[in-house]
Amino acid sequence: MVNIEWKENGKTRYENLLSENYVEDFVNGLKNRGCTNIVVTNDIEKKVAESIRKYNTKSV
């Protein structure tokens, strides 16, 4: 599975693709729509765990 995150109209969006074969076409479609901050990862769980760790270590 390949996970894609991007910004569109000021909002962060996510999509999970089951096959790497579709990534290039999907990303090109995002670029054509003017999307920014496109990030492709293979391990969304690691990213979520890192976000939680950062949140938990922020001083209040």
PDB file of N, CA and C in Angstrom:
ATOM      1  N   MET A   1       0.842  -1.177   0.000  1.00  0.00           N
ATOM      2  CA  MET A   1       0.000   0.000   0.000  1.00  0.00           C
ATOM      3  C   MET A   1       0.889   1.242   0.000  1.00  0.00           C
ATOM      4  N   VAL A   2       0.470   2.234  -0.721  1.00  0.00           N
ATOM      5  CA  VAL A   2       1.195   3.500  -0.791  1.00  0.00           C
ATOM      6  C   VAL A   2       0.262   4.600  -0.298  1.00  0.00           C
ATOM      7  N   ASN A   3       0.767   5.428   0.584  1.00  0.00           N
ATOM      8  CA  ASN A   3      -0.014   6.507   1.165  1.00  0.00           C
ATOM      9  C   ASN A   3       0.449   7.839   0.595  1.00  0.00           C
ATOM     10  N   ILE A   4      -0.508   8.679   0.228  1.00  0.00           N
ATOM     11  CA  ILE A   4      -0.195   9.986  -0.346  1.00  0.00           C
ATOM     12  C   ILE A   4      -0.907  11.048   0.476  1.00  0.00           C
ATOM     13  N   GLU A   5      -0.180  12.103   0.797  1.00  0.00           N
ATOM     14  CA  GLU A   5      -0.731  13.235   1.538  1.00  0.00           C
ATOM     15  C   GLU A   5      -0.440  14.485   0.723  1.00  0.00           C
ATOM     16  N   TRP A   6      -1.395  15.416   0.677  1.00  0.00           N
ATOM     17  CA  TRP A   6      -1.192  16.659  -0.065  1.00  0.00           C
ATOM     18  C   TRP A   6      -2.076  17.748   0.501  1.00  0.00           C
ATOM     19  N   LYS A   7      -1.777  18.982   0.088  1.00  0.00           N
ATOM     20  CA  LYS A   7      -2.612  20.118   0.473  1.00  0.00           C
ATOM     21  C   LYS A   7      -3.370  20.583  -0.759  1.00  0.00           C
ATOM     22  N   GLU A   8      -4.677  20.805  -0.555  1.00  0.00           N
ATOM     23  CA  GLU A   8      -5.534  21.293  -1.628  1.00  0.00           C
ATOM     24  C   GLU A   8      -6.544  22.251  -1.014  1.00  0.00           C
ATOM     25  N   ASN A   9      -6.582  23.458  -1.542  1.00  0.00           N
ATOM     26  CA  ASN A   9      -7.484  24.492  -1.018  1.00  0.00           C
ATOM     27  C   ASN A   9      -7.284  24.706   0.481  1.00  0.00           C
ATOM     28  N   GLY A  10      -6.035  24.652   0.916  1.00  0.00           N
ATOM     29  CA  GLY A  10      -5.711  24.909   2.309  1.00  0.00           C
ATOM     30  C   GLY A  10      -5.975  23.750   3.262  1.00  0.00           C
ATOM     31  N   LYS A  11      -6.436  22.632   2.748  1.00  0.00           N
ATOM     32  CA  LYS A  11      -6.737  21.474   3.599  1.00  0.00           C
ATOM     33  C   LYS A  11      -5.801  20.321   3.267  1.00  0.00           C
ATOM     34  N   THR A  12      -5.400  19.594   4.295  1.00  0.00           N
ATOM     35  CA  THR A  12      -4.578  18.408   4.097  1.00  0.00           C
ATOM     36  C   THR A  12      -5.493  17.247   3.747  1.00  0.00           C
ATOM     37  N   ARG A  13      -5.145  16.549   2.688  1.00  0.00           N
ATOM     38  CA  ARG A  13      -5.932  15.407   2.208  1.00  0.00           C
ATOM     39  C   ARG A  13      -5.047  14.164   2.204  1.00  0.00           C
ATOM     40  N   TYR A  14      -5.682  12.993   2.248  1.00  0.00           N
ATOM     41  CA  TYR A  14      -4.968  11.723   2.253  1.00  0.00           C
ATOM     42  C   TYR A  14      -5.618  10.757   1.279  1.00  0.00           C
ATOM     43  N   GLU A  15      -4.812   9.880   0.727  1.00  0.00           N
ATOM     44  CA  GLU A  15      -5.323   8.807  -0.128  1.00  0.00           C
ATOM     45  C   GLU A  15      -4.411   7.597   0.046  1.00  0.00           C
ATOM     46  N   ASN A  16      -4.986   6.421   0.101  1.00  0.00           N
ATOM     47  CA  ASN A  16      -4.221   5.189   0.166  1.00  0.00           C
ATOM     48  C   ASN A  16      -4.422   4.444  -1.145  1.00  0.00           C
ATOM     49  N   LEU A  17      -3.335   4.153  -1.824  1.00  0.00           N
ATOM     50  CA  LEU A  17      -3.403   3.396  -3.068  1.00  0.00           C
ATOM     51  C   LEU A  17      -2.928   1.974  -2.795  1.00  0.00           C
ATOM     52  N   LEU A  18      -3.643   1.004  -3.313  1.00  0.00           N
ATOM     53  CA  LEU A  18      -3.288  -0.384  -3.069  1.00  0.00           C
ATOM     54  C   LEU A  18      -2.094  -0.838  -3.887  1.00  0.00           C
ATOM     55  N   SER A  19      -1.808  -0.143  -4.979  1.00  0.00           N
ATOM     56  CA  SER A  19      -0.713  -0.552  -5.849  1.00  0.00           C
ATOM     57  C   SER A  19       0.188   0.628  -6.177  1.00  0.00           C
ATOM     58  N   GLU A  20       1.476   0.372  -6.219  1.00  0.00           N
ATOM     59  CA  GLU A  20       2.438   1.418  -6.594  1.00  0.00           C
ATOM     60  C   GLU A  20       2.313   1.798  -8.058  1.00  0.00           C
ATOM     61  N   ASN A  21       1.636   0.981  -8.854  1.00  0.00           N
ATOM     62  CA  ASN A  21       1.491   1.247 -10.284  1.00  0.00           C
ATOM     63  C   ASN A  21       0.709   2.526 -10.570  1.00  0.00           C
ATOM     64  N   TYR A  22      -0.124   2.964  -9.635  1.00  0.00           N
ATOM     65  CA  TYR A  22      -0.988   4.124  -9.858  1.00  0.00           C
ATOM     66  C   TYR A  22      -0.421   5.422  -9.287  1.00  0.00           C
ATOM     67  N   VAL A  23       0.695   5.343  -8.583  1.00  0.00           N
ATOM     68  CA  VAL A  23       1.217   6.515  -7.881  1.00  0.00           C
ATOM     69  C   VAL A  23       1.561   7.644  -8.835  1.00  0.00           C
ATOM     70  N   GLU A  24       2.305   7.361  -9.883  1.00  0.00           N
ATOM     71  CA  GLU A  24       2.749   8.413 -10.797  1.00  0.00           C
ATOM     72  C   GLU A  24       1.565   9.145 -11.432  1.00  0.00           C
ATOM     73  N   ASP A  25       0.576   8.412 -11.913  1.00  0.00           N
ATOM     74  CA  ASP A  25      -0.601   9.043 -12.517  1.00  0.00           C
ATOM     75  C   ASP A  25      -1.381   9.852 -11.487  1.00  0.00           C
ATOM     76  N   PHE A  26      -1.525   9.312 -10.278  1.00  0.00           N
ATOM     77  CA  PHE A  26      -2.260  10.010  -9.231  1.00  0.00           C
ATOM     78  C   PHE A  26      -1.565  11.316  -8.865  1.00  0.00           C
ATOM     79  N   VAL A  27      -0.245  11.278  -8.680  1.00  0.00           N
ATOM     80  CA  VAL A  27       0.516  12.475  -8.315  1.00  0.00           C
ATOM     81  C   VAL A  27       0.487  13.503  -9.440  1.00  0.00           C
ATOM     82  N   ASN A  28       0.590  13.057 -10.680  1.00  0.00           N
ATOM     83  CA  ASN A  28       0.497  13.990 -11.806  1.00  0.00           C
ATOM     84  C   ASN A  28      -0.862  14.672 -11.836  1.00  0.00           C
ATOM     85  N   GLY A  29      -1.921  13.939 -11.512  1.00  0.00           N
ATOM     86  CA  GLY A  29      -3.254  14.524 -11.439  1.00  0.00           C
ATOM     87  C   GLY A  29      -3.338  15.586 -10.352  1.00  0.00           C
ATOM     88  N   LEU A  30      -2.704  15.317  -9.212  1.00  0.00           N
ATOM     89  CA  LEU A  30      -2.674  16.303  -8.129  1.00  0.00           C
ATOM     90  C   LEU A  30      -1.941  17.565  -8.570  1.00  0.00           C
ATOM     91  N   LYS A  31      -0.799  17.393  -9.218  1.00  0.00           N
ATOM     92  CA  LYS A  31      -0.021  18.548  -9.692  1.00  0.00           C
ATOM     93  C   LYS A  31      -0.824  19.364 -10.691  1.00  0.00           C
ATOM     94  N   ASN A  32      -1.538  18.697 -11.583  1.00  0.00           N
ATOM     95  CA  ASN A  32      -2.356  19.387 -12.581  1.00  0.00           C
ATOM     96  C   ASN A  32      -3.488  20.179 -11.947  1.00  0.00           C
ATOM     97  N   ARG A  33      -3.959  19.737 -10.773  1.00  0.00           N
ATOM     98  CA  ARG A  33      -5.009  20.468 -10.053  1.00  0.00           C
ATOM     99  C   ARG A  33      -4.440  21.568  -9.183  1.00  0.00           C
ATOM    100  N   GLY A  34      -3.110  21.718  -9.146  1.00  0.00           N
ATOM    101  CA  GLY A  34      -2.489  22.785  -8.373  1.00  0.00           C
ATOM    102  C   GLY A  34      -2.254  22.444  -6.917  1.00  0.00           C
ATOM    103  N   CYS A  35      -2.287  21.165  -6.588  1.00  0.00           N
ATOM    104  CA  CYS A  35      -2.064  20.744  -5.207  1.00  0.00           C
ATOM    105  C   CYS A  35      -0.594  20.939  -4.837  1.00  0.00           C
ATOM    106  N   THR A  36      -0.339  21.131  -3.541  1.00  0.00           N
ATOM    107  CA  THR A  36       1.015  21.367  -3.062  1.00  0.00           C
ATOM    108  C   THR A  36       1.355  20.402  -1.940  1.00  0.00           C
ATOM    109  N   ASN A  37       2.620  20.431  -1.526  1.00  0.00           N
ATOM    110  CA  ASN A  37       3.106  19.622  -0.404  1.00  0.00           C
ATOM    111  C   ASN A  37       2.747  18.147  -0.567  1.00  0.00           C
ATOM    112  N   ILE A  38       2.957  17.599  -1.749  1.00  0.00           N
ATOM    113  CA  ILE A  38       2.630  16.200  -2.012  1.00  0.00           C
ATOM    114  C   ILE A  38       3.729  15.326  -1.428  1.00  0.00           C
ATOM    115  N   VAL A  39       3.325  14.384  -0.576  1.00  0.00           N
ATOM    116  CA  VAL A  39       4.261  13.471   0.066  1.00  0.00           C
ATOM    117  C   VAL A  39       3.757  12.052  -0.149  1.00  0.00           C
ATOM    118  N   VAL A  40       4.648  11.167  -0.597  1.00  0.00           N
ATOM    119  CA  VAL A  40       4.300   9.772  -0.813  1.00  0.00           C
ATOM    120  C   VAL A  40       5.099   8.933   0.180  1.00  0.00           C
ATOM    121  N   THR A  41       4.393   8.091   0.930  1.00  0.00           N
ATOM    122  CA  THR A  41       5.067   7.221   1.892  1.00  0.00           C
ATOM    123  C   THR A  41       4.550   5.800   1.754  1.00  0.00           C
ATOM    124  N   ASN A  42       5.342   4.867   2.195  1.00  0.00           N
ATOM    125  CA  ASN A  42       4.910   3.474   2.210  1.00  0.00           C
ATOM    126  C   ASN A  42       4.510   3.023   3.604  1.00  0.00           C
ATOM    127  N   ASP A  43       4.709   3.869   4.611  1.00  0.00           N
ATOM    128  CA  ASP A  43       4.438   3.438   5.975  1.00  0.00           C
ATOM    129  C   ASP A  43       3.727   4.536   6.747  1.00  0.00           C
ATOM    130  N   ILE A  44       2.419   4.612   6.612  1.00  0.00           N
ATOM    131  CA  ILE A  44       1.650   5.646   7.285  1.00  0.00           C
ATOM    132  C   ILE A  44       1.661   5.433   8.796  1.00  0.00           C
ATOM    133  N   GLU A  45       1.769   4.179   9.241  1.00  0.00           N
ATOM    134  CA  GLU A  45       1.783   3.918  10.681  1.00  0.00           C
ATOM    135  C   GLU A  45       2.971   4.588  11.348  1.00  0.00           C
ATOM    136  N   LYS A  46       4.119   4.549  10.703  1.00  0.00           N
ATOM    137  CA  LYS A  46       5.317   5.190  11.257  1.00  0.00           C
ATOM    138  C   LYS A  46       5.097   6.696  11.359  1.00  0.00           C
ATOM    139  N   LYS A  47       4.482   7.292  10.339  1.00  0.00           N
ATOM    140  CA  LYS A  47       4.231   8.722  10.334  1.00  0.00           C
ATOM    141  C   LYS A  47       3.260   9.102  11.453  1.00  0.00           C
ATOM    142  N   VAL A  48       2.210   8.320  11.624  1.00  0.00           N
ATOM    143  CA  VAL A  48       1.238   8.596  12.677  1.00  0.00           C
ATOM    144  C   VAL A  48       1.903   8.473  14.043  1.00  0.00           C
ATOM    145  N   ALA A  49       2.712   7.436  14.223  1.00  0.00           N
ATOM    146  CA  ALA A  49       3.407   7.252  15.498  1.00  0.00           C
ATOM    147  C   ALA A  49       4.323   8.436  15.787  1.00  0.00           C
ATOM    148  N   GLU A  50       5.006   8.943  14.774  1.00  0.00           N
ATOM    149  CA  GLU A  50       5.892  10.095  14.949  1.00  0.00           C
ATOM    150  C   GLU A  50       5.081  11.345  15.313  1.00  0.00           C
ATOM    151  N   SER A  51       3.929  11.535  14.677  1.00  0.00           N
ATOM    152  CA  SER A  51       3.077  12.686  14.996  1.00  0.00           C
ATOM    153  C   SER A  51       2.586  12.617  16.437  1.00  0.00           C
ATOM    154  N   ILE A  52       2.195  11.435  16.873  1.00  0.00           N
ATOM    155  CA  ILE A  52       1.738  11.264  18.255  1.00  0.00           C
ATOM    156  C   ILE A  52       2.876  11.527  19.224  1.00  0.00           C
ATOM    157  N   ARG A  53       4.058  11.037  18.897  1.00  0.00           N
ATOM    158  CA  ARG A  53       5.227  11.256  19.767  1.00  0.00           C
ATOM    159  C   ARG A  53       5.506  12.753  19.887  1.00  0.00           C
ATOM    160  N   LYS A  54       5.474  13.482  18.771  1.00  0.00           N
ATOM    161  CA  LYS A  54       5.724  14.923  18.801  1.00  0.00           C
ATOM    162  C   LYS A  54       4.655  15.630  19.624  1.00  0.00           C
ATOM    163  N   TYR A  55       3.423  15.230  19.474  1.00  0.00           N
ATOM    164  CA  TYR A  55       2.329  15.848  20.231  1.00  0.00           C
ATOM    165  C   TYR A  55       2.522  15.616  21.728  1.00  0.00           C
ATOM    166  N   ASN A  56       2.876  14.394  22.089  1.00  0.00           N
ATOM    167  CA  ASN A  56       3.020  14.034  23.492  1.00  0.00           C
ATOM    168  C   ASN A  56       4.239  14.696  24.151  1.00  0.00           C
ATOM    169  N   THR A  57       5.223  15.110  23.359  1.00  0.00           N
ATOM    170  CA  THR A  57       6.427  15.699  23.947  1.00  0.00           C
ATOM    171  C   THR A  57       6.395  17.223  23.932  1.00  0.00           C
ATOM    172  N   LYS A  58       5.343  17.822  23.369  1.00  0.00           N
ATOM    173  CA  LYS A  58       5.225  19.290  23.376  1.00  0.00           C
ATOM    174  C   LYS A  58       4.984  19.768  24.795  1.00  0.00           C
ATOM    175  N   SER A  59       5.653  20.842  25.154  1.00  0.00           N
ATOM    176  CA  SER A  59       5.413  21.417  26.495  1.00  0.00           C
ATOM    177  C   SER A  59       4.117  22.216  26.467  1.00  0.00           C
ATOM    178  N   VAL A  60       3.394  22.122  27.539  1.00  0.00           N
ATOM    179  CA  VAL A  60       2.075  22.758  27.619  1.00  0.00           C
ATOM    180  C   VAL A  60       2.187  24.167  28.126  1.00  0.00           C
TER     181      VAL A  60
END
